[in-house]
């Protein structure tokens, strides 16, 4: 599965949102522009599922070691985490969304990811506080 510009910006937004590994708690490292330079965006339902590829509820920040763990032989623990994080109803709704048809529109996904990242960076810098 190819990673494109929309994937890259969305991954940055997820890591800015979470700021730590959701499994071990290790902090995400940021560059001088406050963009993440460590960790990865982990999709609970595969990126192949277009309907949830850019769904913030489907993606969590993980360090490389935790991503390999939850993405490999410990999917049960990832499921338990998502169940606790979202609850039964929201996790079931995510499952339904993941199996629905969604037309691929990378231009719109990129626009939405850029807007979300900008919003998160503004909040993080303190300018978004009321």
Protein backbone atom coordinates (compact mmCIF):
# COMPACT_ATOMS: atom_id res chain seq x y z
CA UNK A 1 0.00 0.00 0.00
CA UNK A 2 1.56 3.25 -1.11
CA UNK A 3 1.92 6.18 1.24
CA UNK A 4 1.04 9.47 -0.45
CA UNK A 5 1.01 13.13 0.59
CA UNK A 6 -2.39 12.81 2.30
CA UNK A 7 -1.11 9.85 4.34
CA UNK A 8 1.98 11.79 5.40
CA UNK A 9 0.08 14.89 6.55
CA UNK A 10 -2.59 12.79 8.28
CA UNK A 11 0.14 10.83 10.09
CA UNK A 12 1.68 14.09 11.28
CA UNK A 13 -1.70 15.28 12.57
CA UNK A 14 -2.29 12.05 14.50
CA UNK A 15 1.13 12.27 16.15
CA UNK A 16 0.61 15.97 17.00
CA UNK A 17 -2.79 15.06 18.50
CA UNK A 18 -1.51 12.19 20.65
CA UNK A 19 2.02 13.45 21.47
CA UNK A 20 2.94 10.10 23.06
CA UNK A 21 2.87 6.42 22.18
CA UNK A 22 -0.59 5.17 23.13
CA UNK A 23 0.89 1.87 24.32
CA UNK A 24 4.11 2.69 26.22
CA UNK A 25 3.79 6.44 26.70
CA UNK A 26 7.10 7.39 25.10
CA UNK A 27 7.01 11.03 23.94
CA UNK A 28 6.90 12.01 20.28
CA UNK A 29 9.88 14.15 19.26
CA UNK A 30 9.16 17.37 17.33
CA UNK A 31 11.26 19.55 15.03
CA UNK A 32 11.51 23.36 15.15
CA UNK A 33 8.25 23.68 13.18
CA UNK A 34 6.49 21.54 15.82
CA UNK A 35 6.11 18.69 13.34
CA UNK A 36 6.68 15.13 14.58
CA UNK A 37 9.95 13.43 13.68
CA UNK A 38 9.46 10.22 15.63
CA UNK A 39 6.82 7.53 16.13
CA UNK A 40 4.25 6.23 13.64
CA UNK A 41 0.55 6.44 12.94
CA UNK A 42 -0.97 2.99 13.48
CA UNK A 43 -4.21 2.08 11.73
CA UNK A 44 -6.45 -0.26 13.72
CA UNK A 45 -8.25 -1.23 10.54
CA UNK A 46 -5.79 -1.44 7.65
CA UNK A 47 -5.04 1.49 5.35
CA UNK A 48 -6.52 -0.73 2.63
CA UNK A 49 -9.94 0.12 4.07
CA UNK A 50 -10.44 3.45 2.34
CA UNK A 51 -13.46 4.44 4.43
CA UNK A 52 -11.39 4.57 7.64
CA UNK A 53 -7.94 5.28 6.23
CA UNK A 54 -8.22 8.94 7.29
CA UNK A 55 -10.57 8.43 10.25
CA UNK A 56 -8.98 9.82 13.44
CA UNK A 57 -10.77 7.19 15.54
CA UNK A 58 -9.04 4.46 13.54
CA UNK A 59 -5.49 5.73 14.01
CA UNK A 60 -3.24 5.98 17.06
CA UNK A 61 0.34 7.08 17.67
CA UNK A 62 2.74 4.25 18.42
CA UNK A 63 6.51 4.04 18.66
CA UNK A 64 8.10 1.61 16.22
CA UNK A 65 8.42 -1.21 18.78
CA UNK A 66 4.81 -0.91 19.93
CA UNK A 67 3.59 -0.65 16.32
CA UNK A 68 5.37 -3.89 15.52
CA UNK A 69 3.87 -5.51 18.63
CA UNK A 70 0.25 -4.40 18.16
CA UNK A 71 0.43 -4.70 14.38
CA UNK A 72 1.85 -8.20 14.62
CA UNK A 73 1.42 -10.87 17.26
CA UNK A 74 -0.53 -8.88 19.87
CA UNK A 75 -3.64 -7.71 18.00
CA UNK A 76 -5.75 -8.78 20.98
CA UNK A 77 -4.10 -6.12 23.16
CA UNK A 78 -4.71 -3.49 20.45
CA UNK A 79 -8.36 -4.54 20.35
CA UNK A 80 -8.61 -4.24 24.15
CA UNK A 81 -7.06 -0.75 23.94
CA UNK A 82 -9.50 0.37 21.22
CA UNK A 83 -12.42 -1.04 23.19
CA UNK A 84 -11.36 0.95 26.26
CA UNK A 85 -10.59 4.05 24.18
CA UNK A 86 -13.82 4.12 22.15
CA UNK A 87 -16.29 1.95 24.02
CA UNK A 88 -18.40 -0.79 22.46
CA UNK A 89 -20.75 1.44 20.46
CA UNK A 90 -18.08 3.63 18.86
CA UNK A 91 -15.82 0.65 18.13
CA UNK A 92 -18.73 -1.15 16.46
CA UNK A 93 -19.53 2.00 14.47
CA UNK A 94 -15.87 2.16 13.38
CA UNK A 95 -16.09 -1.48 12.29
CA UNK A 96 -19.19 -0.73 10.20
CA UNK A 97 -17.51 2.34 8.63
CA UNK A 98 -14.39 0.30 7.84
CA UNK A 99 -16.46 -2.10 5.73
CA UNK A 100 -18.38 0.51 3.76
CA UNK A 101 -17.49 1.58 0.26
CA UNK A 102 -15.69 4.91 0.11
CA UNK A 103 -14.48 6.45 -3.12
CA UNK A 104 -10.79 7.26 -3.06
CA UNK A 105 -10.27 11.03 -3.16
CA UNK A 106 -6.69 11.87 -2.23
CA UNK A 107 -7.03 15.57 -3.08
CA UNK A 108 -9.86 15.98 -0.58
CA UNK A 109 -8.09 13.79 1.98
CA UNK A 110 -4.99 15.98 1.69
CA UNK A 111 -7.04 19.18 2.09
CA UNK A 112 -8.79 17.76 5.17
CA UNK A 113 -5.54 16.46 6.71
CA UNK A 114 -3.81 19.82 6.20
CA UNK A 115 -6.74 21.64 7.83
CA UNK A 116 -6.74 19.26 10.80
CA UNK A 117 -2.95 19.53 11.22
CA UNK A 118 -3.14 23.35 11.09
CA UNK A 119 -5.90 23.33 13.72
CA UNK A 120 -3.89 21.04 16.01
CA UNK A 121 -0.71 23.09 15.61
CA UNK A 122 -2.64 26.28 16.38
CA UNK A 123 -4.12 24.70 19.52
CA UNK A 124 -0.74 23.38 20.57
CA UNK A 125 0.94 26.78 20.17
CA UNK A 126 -1.68 28.35 22.41
CA UNK A 127 -3.21 30.56 19.75
CA UNK A 128 -6.36 28.46 19.62
CA UNK A 129 -7.17 28.92 23.31
CA UNK A 130 -10.11 31.10 24.27
